[in-house]
Amino acid sequence: MNMKRVIIIGTMIVTMSFAGTAWGQSAISPIPTAKWSIVDLDTREGSSDELLTALNQPSEADLYQELYSGKSLRTIAEENNGNLNEVIALQVRQLREQLDERLARGSISSEQHAAQQAELEELVTQSANTAYSLA
């Protein structure tokens, strides 16, 4: 079997297994990496997605395709006259909310909360400026 195919299938299986456990609760990765869950799955007409608005993207499918082709959030924002600072602020805000929830539930200590809060903006900025390639 082709090694690239093995990696892609393995990644899909891991993603589906994590996604299956995340339906009932909020989850956060301590290091924000490229993840597809940043896209709002609410596709009802009239619903607005802050990320799509900040990136000036017409749809989730278009954003997904841009990310899949290896573009960074910075590149997508620049090509579509989007606002990268708004994207970073949005992601930092969402991750802070998730950290606060985890602290309130007791799943992390206050020291872990403080340490992760301190590095959020730098990690999100670094992630937004990084192009991830599947090739």
Protein backbone atom coordinates (compact mmCIF):
# COMPACT_ATOMS: atom_id res chain seq x y z
CA MET A 1 0.00 0.00 0.00
CA ASN A 2 1.23 3.48 -0.83
CA MET A 3 2.77 5.21 2.25
CA LYS A 4 0.93 8.47 1.53
CA ARG A 5 -2.38 6.61 1.45
CA VAL A 6 -1.55 4.87 4.76
CA ILE A 7 -0.80 8.22 6.42
CA ILE A 8 -3.98 9.84 5.09
CA ILE A 9 -6.21 6.92 6.11
CA GLY A 10 -4.54 6.71 9.52
CA THR A 11 -5.06 10.43 10.08
CA MET A 12 -8.71 10.15 9.08
CA ILE A 13 -9.27 7.27 11.52
CA VAL A 14 -7.63 9.13 14.39
CA THR A 15 -9.60 12.29 13.58
CA MET A 16 -12.89 10.41 13.45
CA SER A 17 -12.18 8.65 16.74
CA PHE A 18 -11.37 11.95 18.48
CA ALA A 19 -14.36 13.68 16.92
CA GLY A 20 -16.66 10.92 18.14
CA THR A 21 -15.67 11.56 21.77
CA ALA A 22 -15.89 15.34 21.45
CA TRP A 23 -19.60 15.60 20.60
CA GLY A 24 -20.71 15.72 24.22
CA GLN A 25 -18.01 17.98 25.61
CA SER A 26 -15.74 20.84 24.70
CA ALA A 27 -12.11 19.97 24.02
CA ILE A 28 -8.91 21.97 23.63
CA SER A 29 -5.49 21.09 22.41
CA PRO A 30 -2.74 22.67 24.53
CA ILE A 31 -0.93 23.54 21.31
CA PRO A 32 -3.20 24.95 18.62
CA THR A 33 -2.27 23.04 15.50
CA ALA A 34 -4.01 22.92 12.19
CA LYS A 35 -7.37 21.53 12.98
CA TRP A 36 -10.54 21.50 10.94
CA SER A 37 -12.82 22.01 13.93
CA ILE A 38 -12.19 25.75 13.77
CA VAL A 39 -14.85 25.90 11.07
CA ASP A 40 -18.39 26.22 12.42
CA LEU A 41 -20.46 23.24 11.32
CA ASP A 42 -23.73 25.18 11.58
CA THR A 43 -24.71 25.56 7.93
CA ARG A 44 -28.25 26.84 8.44
CA GLU A 45 -29.14 29.74 6.22
CA GLY A 46 -28.63 33.05 7.96
CA SER A 47 -26.02 31.74 10.36
CA SER A 48 -22.79 33.68 10.24
CA ASP A 49 -19.38 32.33 11.00
CA GLU A 50 -16.93 34.77 12.52
CA LEU A 51 -13.95 32.93 11.03
CA LEU A 52 -15.38 32.97 7.50
CA THR A 53 -16.21 36.65 7.90
CA ALA A 54 -12.71 37.52 9.17
CA LEU A 55 -11.09 35.61 6.31
CA ASN A 56 -13.59 36.98 3.79
CA GLN A 57 -14.44 33.45 2.65
CA PRO A 58 -17.79 32.70 0.99
CA SER A 59 -18.22 29.20 2.46
CA GLU A 60 -16.76 26.53 4.70
CA ALA A 61 -16.01 24.40 1.66
CA ASP A 62 -13.91 27.18 0.13
CA LEU A 63 -11.97 27.64 3.38
CA TYR A 64 -11.46 23.90 3.70
CA GLN A 65 -10.16 23.71 0.12
CA GLU A 66 -7.75 26.60 0.69
CA LEU A 67 -6.39 24.98 3.87
CA TYR A 68 -6.21 21.57 2.21
CA SER A 69 -4.18 23.02 -0.66
CA GLY A 70 -1.53 24.05 1.88
CA LYS A 71 -2.27 27.72 2.40
CA SER A 72 -1.82 29.34 5.80
CA LEU A 73 -4.54 31.44 7.40
CA ARG A 74 -2.30 34.48 6.77
CA THR A 75 -2.14 33.70 3.04
CA ILE A 76 -5.89 33.14 2.83
CA ALA A 77 -6.56 36.43 4.63
CA GLU A 78 -4.13 38.36 2.42
CA GLU A 79 -5.51 36.90 -0.83
CA ASN A 80 -9.12 37.67 0.13
CA ASN A 81 -8.63 41.02 1.85
CA GLY A 82 -9.45 39.38 5.19
CA ASN A 83 -8.31 40.47 8.63
CA LEU A 84 -5.62 38.17 10.09
CA ASN A 85 -5.58 40.03 13.41
CA GLU A 86 -9.31 39.37 13.78
CA VAL A 87 -8.76 35.67 13.00
CA ILE A 88 -6.04 35.41 15.65
CA ALA A 89 -8.13 37.29 18.22
CA LEU A 90 -11.12 35.03 17.50
CA GLN A 91 -9.12 31.84 17.92
CA VAL A 92 -7.40 33.11 21.09
CA ARG A 93 -10.79 34.09 22.55
CA GLN A 94 -12.29 30.68 21.77
CA LEU A 95 -9.31 28.84 23.23
CA ARG A 96 -9.40 31.00 26.37
CA GLU A 97 -13.09 30.15 26.82
CA GLN A 98 -12.27 26.45 26.47
CA LEU A 99 -9.42 26.77 28.99
CA ASP A 100 -11.75 28.52 31.43
CA GLU A 101 -14.29 25.71 31.02
CA ARG A 102 -11.62 23.08 31.66
CA LEU A 103 -10.48 24.93 34.78
CA ALA A 104 -14.06 25.24 36.03
CA ARG A 105 -14.62 21.49 35.48
CA GLY A 106 -11.39 20.70 37.28
CA SER A 107 -9.78 18.92 34.34
CA ILE A 108 -6.72 21.21 34.58
CA SER A 109 -5.05 22.88 37.55
CA SER A 110 -4.77 26.64 37.95
CA GLU A 111 -1.04 26.37 37.21
CA GLN A 112 -1.74 24.56 33.93
CA HIS A 113 -4.42 27.13 33.13
CA ALA A 114 -2.02 30.03 33.72
CA ALA A 115 0.78 28.39 31.72
CA GLN A 116 -1.46 27.63 28.75
CA GLN A 117 -3.08 31.08 28.86
CA ALA A 118 0.37 32.68 28.75
CA GLU A 119 1.36 30.97 25.52
CA LEU A 120 -1.97 31.07 23.65
CA GLU A 121 -1.45 34.19 21.55
CA GLU A 122 2.06 33.23 20.46
CA LEU A 123 0.99 29.71 19.50
CA VAL A 124 -2.11 30.83 17.61
CA THR A 125 -0.10 33.49 15.75
CA GLN A 126 2.55 30.94 14.85
CA SER A 127 -0.11 28.47 13.68
CA ALA A 128 -1.90 31.12 11.59
CA ASN A 129 1.36 31.96 9.83
CA THR A 130 2.23 28.32 9.10
CA ALA A 131 1.18 26.54 5.94
CA TYR A 132 0.49 22.86 6.53
CA SER A 133 0.99 20.57 3.57
CA LEU A 134 -0.36 17.05 3.16
CA ALA A 135 1.99 16.30 0.29
